[in-house]
N, C-alpha and C. Protein backbone atom coordinates (compact mmCIF):
# COMPACT_ATOMS: atom_id res chain seq x y z
N MET A 1 -7.78 -26.43 -11.41
CA MET A 1 -7.11 -25.18 -11.07
C MET A 1 -6.71 -24.42 -12.33
N ASP A 2 -6.23 -25.13 -13.38
CA ASP A 2 -5.85 -24.47 -14.62
C ASP A 2 -7.03 -23.78 -15.28
N VAL A 3 -8.23 -24.36 -15.16
CA VAL A 3 -9.42 -23.77 -15.75
C VAL A 3 -9.74 -22.44 -15.07
N ILE A 4 -9.61 -22.38 -13.75
CA ILE A 4 -9.87 -21.15 -13.01
C ILE A 4 -8.87 -20.07 -13.41
N ILE A 5 -7.61 -20.42 -13.49
CA ILE A 5 -6.58 -19.46 -13.87
C ILE A 5 -6.80 -18.98 -15.30
N SER A 6 -7.11 -19.91 -16.22
CA SER A 6 -7.37 -19.51 -17.61
C SER A 6 -8.58 -18.60 -17.69
N GLY A 7 -9.62 -18.91 -16.95
CA GLY A 7 -10.81 -18.07 -16.93
C GLY A 7 -10.54 -16.70 -16.35
N LEU A 8 -9.66 -16.64 -15.35
CA LEU A 8 -9.30 -15.36 -14.74
C LEU A 8 -8.61 -14.46 -15.75
N PHE A 9 -7.66 -15.00 -16.50
CA PHE A 9 -6.94 -14.20 -17.48
C PHE A 9 -7.83 -13.77 -18.64
N PHE A 10 -8.89 -14.51 -18.88
CA PHE A 10 -9.81 -14.14 -19.95
C PHE A 10 -10.51 -12.82 -19.63
N PHE A 11 -10.82 -12.56 -18.37
CA PHE A 11 -11.54 -11.36 -17.98
C PHE A 11 -10.64 -10.20 -17.60
N LEU A 12 -9.34 -10.38 -17.51
CA LEU A 12 -8.45 -9.30 -17.11
C LEU A 12 -8.42 -8.11 -18.07
N PRO A 13 -8.54 -8.29 -19.40
CA PRO A 13 -8.54 -7.11 -20.26
C PRO A 13 -9.68 -6.14 -19.98
N GLU A 14 -10.74 -6.62 -19.36
CA GLU A 14 -11.85 -5.75 -19.01
C GLU A 14 -11.74 -5.21 -17.59
N CYS A 15 -10.67 -5.55 -16.90
CA CYS A 15 -10.47 -5.10 -15.52
C CYS A 15 -9.85 -3.70 -15.53
N HIS A 16 -10.54 -2.75 -14.92
CA HIS A 16 -10.05 -1.38 -14.87
C HIS A 16 -9.14 -1.12 -13.68
N LEU A 17 -9.43 -1.78 -12.56
CA LEU A 17 -8.67 -1.54 -11.34
C LEU A 17 -8.48 -2.84 -10.57
N MET A 18 -7.24 -3.08 -10.15
CA MET A 18 -6.96 -4.23 -9.30
C MET A 18 -6.21 -3.71 -8.07
N ILE A 19 -6.67 -4.12 -6.90
CA ILE A 19 -6.03 -3.72 -5.65
C ILE A 19 -5.38 -4.96 -5.05
N LEU A 20 -4.06 -4.91 -4.91
CA LEU A 20 -3.30 -6.03 -4.35
C LEU A 20 -2.69 -5.60 -3.03
N LEU A 21 -3.34 -5.93 -1.96
CA LEU A 21 -2.82 -5.59 -0.64
C LEU A 21 -2.32 -6.88 0.01
N ASP A 22 -1.36 -7.48 -0.63
CA ASP A 22 -0.74 -8.67 -0.07
C ASP A 22 0.51 -8.25 0.67
N LEU A 23 1.50 -9.06 0.70
CA LEU A 23 2.76 -8.77 1.40
C LEU A 23 2.54 -8.45 2.88
N VAL A 24 1.60 -9.16 3.49
CA VAL A 24 1.39 -9.04 4.93
C VAL A 24 2.33 -10.01 5.62
N GLN A 25 2.98 -9.53 6.66
CA GLN A 25 3.95 -10.39 7.33
C GLN A 25 3.79 -10.32 8.84
N SER A 26 3.71 -11.49 9.44
CA SER A 26 3.73 -11.63 10.89
C SER A 26 4.80 -12.67 11.21
N LYS A 27 4.99 -12.95 12.48
CA LYS A 27 6.00 -13.95 12.86
C LYS A 27 5.64 -15.32 12.30
N GLN A 28 4.35 -15.68 12.39
CA GLN A 28 3.92 -16.99 11.90
C GLN A 28 4.04 -17.07 10.38
N SER A 29 3.61 -16.02 9.69
CA SER A 29 3.67 -16.07 8.23
C SER A 29 5.11 -16.04 7.73
N TYR A 30 5.99 -15.35 8.45
CA TYR A 30 7.40 -15.32 8.06
C TYR A 30 7.99 -16.72 8.09
N GLN A 31 7.69 -17.47 9.13
CA GLN A 31 8.19 -18.84 9.23
C GLN A 31 7.60 -19.72 8.13
N ARG A 32 6.30 -19.56 7.87
CA ARG A 32 5.64 -20.36 6.84
C ARG A 32 6.21 -20.04 5.46
N ILE A 33 6.41 -18.76 5.17
CA ILE A 33 6.97 -18.35 3.88
C ILE A 33 8.40 -18.85 3.72
N THR A 34 9.17 -18.75 4.78
CA THR A 34 10.56 -19.21 4.74
C THR A 34 10.62 -20.70 4.44
N ASN A 35 9.75 -21.48 5.07
CA ASN A 35 9.73 -22.92 4.83
C ASN A 35 9.29 -23.26 3.41
N SER A 36 8.35 -22.53 2.86
CA SER A 36 7.88 -22.83 1.49
C SER A 36 8.83 -22.28 0.43
N ASP A 37 9.63 -21.27 0.77
CA ASP A 37 10.56 -20.69 -0.20
C ASP A 37 11.72 -21.62 -0.54
N ILE A 38 11.98 -22.58 0.31
CA ILE A 38 13.08 -23.53 0.08
C ILE A 38 12.88 -24.27 -1.24
N TYR A 39 11.63 -24.54 -1.60
CA TYR A 39 11.33 -25.36 -2.77
C TYR A 39 11.05 -24.55 -4.03
N LYS A 40 11.19 -23.24 -3.98
CA LYS A 40 10.88 -22.40 -5.14
C LYS A 40 12.11 -22.15 -5.99
N SER A 41 11.86 -22.04 -7.28
CA SER A 41 12.95 -21.71 -8.21
C SER A 41 13.12 -20.19 -8.28
N SER A 42 14.19 -19.76 -8.91
CA SER A 42 14.43 -18.31 -9.03
C SER A 42 13.35 -17.66 -9.89
N LEU A 43 12.80 -18.39 -10.86
CA LEU A 43 11.72 -17.86 -11.69
C LEU A 43 10.46 -17.63 -10.85
N GLN A 44 10.15 -18.55 -9.96
CA GLN A 44 8.99 -18.38 -9.08
C GLN A 44 9.18 -17.18 -8.15
N PHE A 45 10.38 -16.99 -7.65
CA PHE A 45 10.66 -15.82 -6.81
C PHE A 45 10.46 -14.53 -7.59
N ALA A 46 10.92 -14.52 -8.83
CA ALA A 46 10.82 -13.31 -9.66
C ALA A 46 9.37 -12.94 -9.92
N ILE A 47 8.53 -13.91 -10.16
CA ILE A 47 7.11 -13.63 -10.44
C ILE A 47 6.40 -13.11 -9.20
N GLU A 48 6.84 -13.47 -8.02
CA GLU A 48 6.18 -13.05 -6.78
C GLU A 48 6.53 -11.63 -6.35
N ARG A 49 7.55 -11.04 -6.94
CA ARG A 49 7.91 -9.67 -6.56
C ARG A 49 6.85 -8.70 -7.07
N PRO A 50 6.60 -7.62 -6.32
CA PRO A 50 5.51 -6.70 -6.67
C PRO A 50 5.62 -6.09 -8.07
N THR A 51 6.79 -5.64 -8.45
CA THR A 51 6.94 -4.98 -9.75
C THR A 51 6.68 -5.95 -10.89
N GLU A 52 7.18 -7.16 -10.79
CA GLU A 52 6.97 -8.15 -11.83
C GLU A 52 5.51 -8.56 -11.92
N THR A 53 4.85 -8.68 -10.77
CA THR A 53 3.43 -9.00 -10.75
C THR A 53 2.63 -7.92 -11.46
N VAL A 54 2.96 -6.67 -11.17
CA VAL A 54 2.27 -5.54 -11.79
C VAL A 54 2.51 -5.52 -13.30
N MET A 55 3.74 -5.79 -13.71
CA MET A 55 4.03 -5.81 -15.16
C MET A 55 3.21 -6.89 -15.86
N LEU A 56 3.11 -8.08 -15.27
CA LEU A 56 2.33 -9.14 -15.88
C LEU A 56 0.84 -8.78 -15.95
N LEU A 57 0.32 -8.20 -14.88
CA LEU A 57 -1.08 -7.79 -14.89
C LEU A 57 -1.33 -6.70 -15.93
N SER A 58 -0.40 -5.78 -16.05
CA SER A 58 -0.53 -4.72 -17.04
C SER A 58 -0.51 -5.29 -18.46
N LEU A 59 0.36 -6.25 -18.69
CA LEU A 59 0.44 -6.87 -20.02
C LEU A 59 -0.84 -7.64 -20.37
N THR A 60 -1.53 -8.14 -19.36
CA THR A 60 -2.78 -8.86 -19.63
C THR A 60 -3.97 -7.93 -19.78
N GLY A 61 -3.77 -6.62 -19.54
CA GLY A 61 -4.84 -5.67 -19.82
C GLY A 61 -5.39 -4.90 -18.64
N VAL A 62 -4.92 -5.16 -17.44
CA VAL A 62 -5.41 -4.40 -16.28
C VAL A 62 -4.91 -2.96 -16.42
N ARG A 63 -5.82 -1.99 -16.30
CA ARG A 63 -5.47 -0.61 -16.58
C ARG A 63 -4.83 0.13 -15.41
N SER A 64 -5.19 -0.25 -14.20
CA SER A 64 -4.68 0.46 -13.02
C SER A 64 -4.54 -0.54 -11.89
N ILE A 65 -3.39 -0.50 -11.21
CA ILE A 65 -3.11 -1.46 -10.14
C ILE A 65 -2.61 -0.71 -8.93
N ILE A 66 -3.23 -0.94 -7.80
CA ILE A 66 -2.78 -0.40 -6.52
C ILE A 66 -2.19 -1.57 -5.75
N ALA A 67 -0.91 -1.42 -5.36
CA ALA A 67 -0.23 -2.55 -4.72
C ALA A 67 0.77 -2.06 -3.69
N ASN A 68 1.07 -2.94 -2.74
CA ASN A 68 2.13 -2.68 -1.76
C ASN A 68 3.49 -2.94 -2.40
N GLN A 69 4.47 -2.15 -2.01
CA GLN A 69 5.84 -2.38 -2.46
C GLN A 69 6.61 -3.26 -1.50
N TRP A 70 6.30 -3.15 -0.20
CA TRP A 70 7.06 -3.83 0.84
C TRP A 70 6.10 -4.57 1.74
N TYR A 71 6.69 -5.43 2.59
CA TYR A 71 5.89 -6.14 3.58
C TYR A 71 5.32 -5.16 4.58
N THR A 72 4.16 -5.49 5.08
CA THR A 72 3.45 -4.62 6.01
C THR A 72 2.68 -5.48 7.01
N THR A 73 2.03 -4.84 7.96
CA THR A 73 1.24 -5.57 8.94
C THR A 73 -0.20 -5.68 8.47
N LEU A 74 -0.91 -6.61 9.05
CA LEU A 74 -2.32 -6.79 8.71
C LEU A 74 -3.13 -5.56 9.08
N GLN A 75 -2.81 -4.94 10.21
CA GLN A 75 -3.53 -3.75 10.65
C GLN A 75 -3.33 -2.58 9.67
N GLU A 76 -2.10 -2.38 9.20
CA GLU A 76 -1.85 -1.30 8.23
C GLU A 76 -2.59 -1.56 6.93
N ASN A 77 -2.63 -2.81 6.48
CA ASN A 77 -3.36 -3.14 5.27
C ASN A 77 -4.86 -2.91 5.44
N ALA A 78 -5.39 -3.25 6.60
CA ALA A 78 -6.82 -3.02 6.85
C ALA A 78 -7.14 -1.53 6.83
N GLU A 79 -6.27 -0.72 7.43
CA GLU A 79 -6.47 0.73 7.40
C GLU A 79 -6.39 1.26 5.97
N ARG A 80 -5.42 0.77 5.20
CA ARG A 80 -5.29 1.19 3.80
C ARG A 80 -6.55 0.85 3.01
N LEU A 81 -7.03 -0.37 3.18
CA LEU A 81 -8.21 -0.82 2.44
C LEU A 81 -9.42 0.04 2.79
N GLU A 82 -9.58 0.35 4.06
CA GLU A 82 -10.69 1.19 4.49
C GLU A 82 -10.62 2.58 3.83
N ILE A 83 -9.44 3.17 3.83
CA ILE A 83 -9.26 4.49 3.22
C ILE A 83 -9.47 4.41 1.71
N LEU A 84 -8.94 3.37 1.08
CA LEU A 84 -9.12 3.20 -0.36
C LEU A 84 -10.60 3.10 -0.73
N PHE A 85 -11.34 2.25 -0.03
CA PHE A 85 -12.75 2.08 -0.34
C PHE A 85 -13.56 3.34 -0.04
N GLU A 86 -13.24 3.99 1.06
CA GLU A 86 -13.95 5.23 1.40
C GLU A 86 -13.77 6.26 0.30
N ASN A 87 -12.54 6.45 -0.16
CA ASN A 87 -12.26 7.47 -1.16
C ASN A 87 -12.72 7.07 -2.56
N LEU A 88 -12.54 5.82 -2.93
CA LEU A 88 -12.93 5.37 -4.27
C LEU A 88 -14.44 5.21 -4.42
N LEU A 89 -15.08 4.60 -3.44
CA LEU A 89 -16.50 4.27 -3.56
C LEU A 89 -17.42 5.33 -2.98
N HIS A 90 -17.12 5.78 -1.78
CA HIS A 90 -18.02 6.70 -1.09
C HIS A 90 -17.86 8.15 -1.57
N ILE A 91 -16.63 8.64 -1.60
CA ILE A 91 -16.37 10.03 -1.96
C ILE A 91 -16.31 10.21 -3.48
N GLY A 92 -15.82 9.20 -4.20
CA GLY A 92 -15.77 9.26 -5.66
C GLY A 92 -14.51 9.89 -6.22
N ARG A 93 -13.41 9.76 -5.52
CA ARG A 93 -12.14 10.30 -6.01
C ARG A 93 -11.54 9.38 -7.06
N THR A 94 -10.62 9.93 -7.84
CA THR A 94 -9.90 9.11 -8.82
C THR A 94 -8.87 8.26 -8.09
N THR A 95 -8.29 7.31 -8.80
CA THR A 95 -7.29 6.45 -8.18
C THR A 95 -6.07 7.25 -7.74
N GLY A 96 -5.65 8.19 -8.56
CA GLY A 96 -4.50 9.02 -8.20
C GLY A 96 -4.76 9.88 -6.98
N GLN A 97 -5.94 10.51 -6.93
CA GLN A 97 -6.31 11.32 -5.76
C GLN A 97 -6.41 10.46 -4.51
N THR A 98 -6.90 9.25 -4.65
CA THR A 98 -7.03 8.35 -3.51
C THR A 98 -5.69 7.97 -2.93
N ILE A 99 -4.72 7.63 -3.77
CA ILE A 99 -3.38 7.29 -3.27
C ILE A 99 -2.75 8.51 -2.62
N HIS A 100 -2.93 9.68 -3.21
CA HIS A 100 -2.39 10.92 -2.62
C HIS A 100 -3.02 11.17 -1.25
N THR A 101 -4.32 10.98 -1.13
CA THR A 101 -5.02 11.14 0.15
C THR A 101 -4.51 10.14 1.17
N LEU A 102 -4.29 8.91 0.74
CA LEU A 102 -3.78 7.87 1.63
C LEU A 102 -2.41 8.27 2.20
N GLN A 103 -1.54 8.77 1.37
CA GLN A 103 -0.21 9.18 1.81
C GLN A 103 -0.29 10.40 2.73
N LYS A 104 -1.08 11.38 2.37
CA LYS A 104 -1.22 12.58 3.19
C LYS A 104 -1.81 12.26 4.56
N ARG A 105 -2.84 11.42 4.57
CA ARG A 105 -3.51 11.09 5.83
C ARG A 105 -2.55 10.38 6.78
N LYS A 106 -1.74 9.47 6.26
CA LYS A 106 -0.80 8.74 7.10
C LYS A 106 0.29 9.68 7.64
N ILE A 107 0.76 10.59 6.81
CA ILE A 107 1.79 11.55 7.25
C ILE A 107 1.23 12.45 8.33
N HIS A 108 0.02 13.00 8.12
CA HIS A 108 -0.58 13.90 9.11
C HIS A 108 -0.88 13.18 10.42
N ARG A 109 -1.34 11.94 10.33
CA ARG A 109 -1.64 11.19 11.55
C ARG A 109 -0.37 10.93 12.35
N GLU A 110 0.73 10.61 11.66
CA GLU A 110 2.01 10.37 12.33
C GLU A 110 2.53 11.65 12.98
N LYS A 111 2.43 12.77 12.27
CA LYS A 111 2.90 14.04 12.83
C LYS A 111 2.06 14.44 14.04
N ASP A 112 0.74 14.22 13.96
CA ASP A 112 -0.13 14.56 15.09
C ASP A 112 0.19 13.72 16.31
N SER A 113 0.43 12.42 16.12
CA SER A 113 0.75 11.57 17.27
C SER A 113 2.12 11.92 17.84
N ALA A 114 3.07 12.27 17.00
CA ALA A 114 4.39 12.69 17.49
C ALA A 114 4.28 14.00 18.26
N GLN A 115 3.44 14.90 17.78
CA GLN A 115 3.25 16.18 18.46
C GLN A 115 2.58 15.97 19.83
N MET A 116 1.61 15.05 19.90
CA MET A 116 0.95 14.78 21.18
C MET A 116 1.93 14.17 22.17
N ASP A 117 2.80 13.28 21.72
CA ASP A 117 3.81 12.68 22.60
C ASP A 117 4.77 13.74 23.12
N GLU A 118 5.20 14.63 22.25
CA GLU A 118 6.13 15.68 22.67
C GLU A 118 5.47 16.65 23.63
N ASP A 119 4.20 16.98 23.39
CA ASP A 119 3.49 17.91 24.26
C ASP A 119 3.32 17.35 25.67
N SER A 120 3.14 16.04 25.78
CA SER A 120 2.93 15.45 27.10
C SER A 120 4.21 15.33 27.91
N HIS A 121 5.37 15.38 27.24
CA HIS A 121 6.65 15.21 27.94
C HIS A 121 7.49 16.48 28.00
N SER A 122 6.93 17.63 27.73
CA SER A 122 7.77 18.83 27.66
C SER A 122 7.18 19.99 28.45
N SER A 123 8.03 20.96 28.70
CA SER A 123 7.60 22.19 29.36
C SER A 123 7.30 23.23 28.28
N PRO A 124 6.59 24.28 28.63
CA PRO A 124 6.25 25.30 27.63
C PRO A 124 7.47 26.00 27.02
N THR A 125 8.59 26.07 27.72
CA THR A 125 9.75 26.76 27.17
C THR A 125 10.44 25.94 26.07
N ASP A 126 10.22 24.63 26.07
CA ASP A 126 10.84 23.77 25.07
C ASP A 126 10.03 23.67 23.78
N LYS A 127 8.86 24.29 23.72
CA LYS A 127 7.97 24.17 22.57
C LYS A 127 8.61 24.66 21.29
N THR A 128 9.34 25.76 21.33
CA THR A 128 9.92 26.33 20.12
C THR A 128 10.93 25.38 19.51
N GLU A 129 11.78 24.79 20.32
CA GLU A 129 12.76 23.84 19.81
C GLU A 129 12.07 22.60 19.25
N GLN A 130 11.05 22.12 19.93
CA GLN A 130 10.36 20.92 19.48
C GLN A 130 9.60 21.16 18.19
N ASN A 131 8.98 22.30 18.02
CA ASN A 131 8.27 22.59 16.78
C ASN A 131 9.23 22.58 15.60
N PHE A 132 10.42 23.13 15.79
CA PHE A 132 11.42 23.11 14.73
C PHE A 132 11.85 21.67 14.44
N HIS A 133 12.07 20.89 15.49
CA HIS A 133 12.50 19.50 15.34
C HIS A 133 11.41 18.66 14.65
N THR A 134 10.14 18.85 15.05
CA THR A 134 9.04 18.08 14.48
C THR A 134 8.86 18.39 13.00
N SER A 135 8.98 19.65 12.63
CA SER A 135 8.76 20.01 11.23
C SER A 135 9.90 19.55 10.34
N SER A 136 11.06 19.29 10.90
CA SER A 136 12.20 18.89 10.07
C SER A 136 12.46 17.39 10.07
N THR A 137 11.64 16.60 10.77
CA THR A 137 11.86 15.16 10.80
C THR A 137 11.54 14.55 9.43
N ALA A 138 12.26 13.49 9.10
CA ALA A 138 12.09 12.84 7.81
C ALA A 138 10.80 12.03 7.79
N ILE A 139 10.23 11.93 6.62
CA ILE A 139 9.02 11.15 6.42
C ILE A 139 9.42 9.69 6.29
N HIS A 140 8.73 8.82 7.00
CA HIS A 140 9.04 7.40 6.99
C HIS A 140 8.65 6.79 5.64
N PRO A 141 9.48 5.92 5.08
CA PRO A 141 9.19 5.33 3.76
C PRO A 141 7.91 4.51 3.71
N SER A 142 7.45 3.99 4.84
CA SER A 142 6.24 3.17 4.82
C SER A 142 5.00 3.98 4.43
N PHE A 143 5.09 5.31 4.52
CA PHE A 143 3.97 6.14 4.10
C PHE A 143 3.72 5.98 2.61
N PHE A 144 4.74 5.58 1.87
CA PHE A 144 4.63 5.46 0.42
C PHE A 144 4.66 4.00 -0.02
N ASN A 145 4.25 3.10 0.86
CA ASN A 145 4.25 1.68 0.56
C ASN A 145 3.20 1.35 -0.50
N CYS A 146 2.06 1.97 -0.45
CA CYS A 146 0.98 1.69 -1.38
C CYS A 146 1.17 2.57 -2.62
N VAL A 147 1.33 1.91 -3.78
CA VAL A 147 1.68 2.62 -5.01
C VAL A 147 0.64 2.34 -6.08
N LEU A 148 0.40 3.35 -6.91
CA LEU A 148 -0.50 3.21 -8.04
C LEU A 148 0.31 3.04 -9.31
N TYR A 149 0.05 1.96 -10.02
CA TYR A 149 0.68 1.73 -11.32
C TYR A 149 -0.42 1.85 -12.37
N GLY A 150 -0.15 2.58 -13.42
CA GLY A 150 -1.13 2.69 -14.49
C GLY A 150 -1.85 4.03 -14.47
N LEU A 151 -3.10 3.99 -14.86
CA LEU A 151 -3.88 5.22 -15.04
C LEU A 151 -4.31 5.84 -13.70
N PRO A 152 -3.99 7.11 -13.48
CA PRO A 152 -4.37 7.75 -12.22
C PRO A 152 -5.75 8.41 -12.27
N ASN A 153 -6.46 8.27 -13.37
CA ASN A 153 -7.72 8.99 -13.52
C ASN A 153 -8.95 8.10 -13.56
N ILE A 154 -8.86 6.90 -13.05
CA ILE A 154 -10.00 5.99 -13.04
C ILE A 154 -10.92 6.32 -11.88
N ILE A 155 -12.21 6.43 -12.19
CA ILE A 155 -13.24 6.67 -11.17
C ILE A 155 -14.17 5.47 -11.17
N ILE A 156 -14.47 4.95 -9.98
CA ILE A 156 -15.38 3.82 -9.86
C ILE A 156 -16.78 4.36 -9.65
N LEU A 157 -17.69 3.94 -10.51
CA LEU A 157 -19.08 4.41 -10.40
C LEU A 157 -19.94 3.39 -9.73
């Protein structure tokens, strides 16, 4: 195992982009993580946090890191990965543009679904009040869960 880890760190200075979509949590994984956390030291906890992980990767030479800040569902991570690959590989956007697109797409999709729900439960006279209410609702923090650390101008060829 030490040989694999040592070999991995040998190639990190040549790594331009690392995507870490971990922090997936379900009921089963929460119980498993809780049981394994009993035996961890405070140093092990510190290394597992997203910011510390990113700092260590950056110090080893990784130029750009896309990572989750908070726990998320497997379905949300799968959607994120699909959007990331589509924008990075197929369309050819930079890492910064890709993260911006990911955030915008999630916000617009949420607003569209909220608008459809309101339209199905309201009368035409209530539309003006609802439009004002919809436009003033706060953006959910999970829209900004996926963060880019490092260079925002990397393009994958």
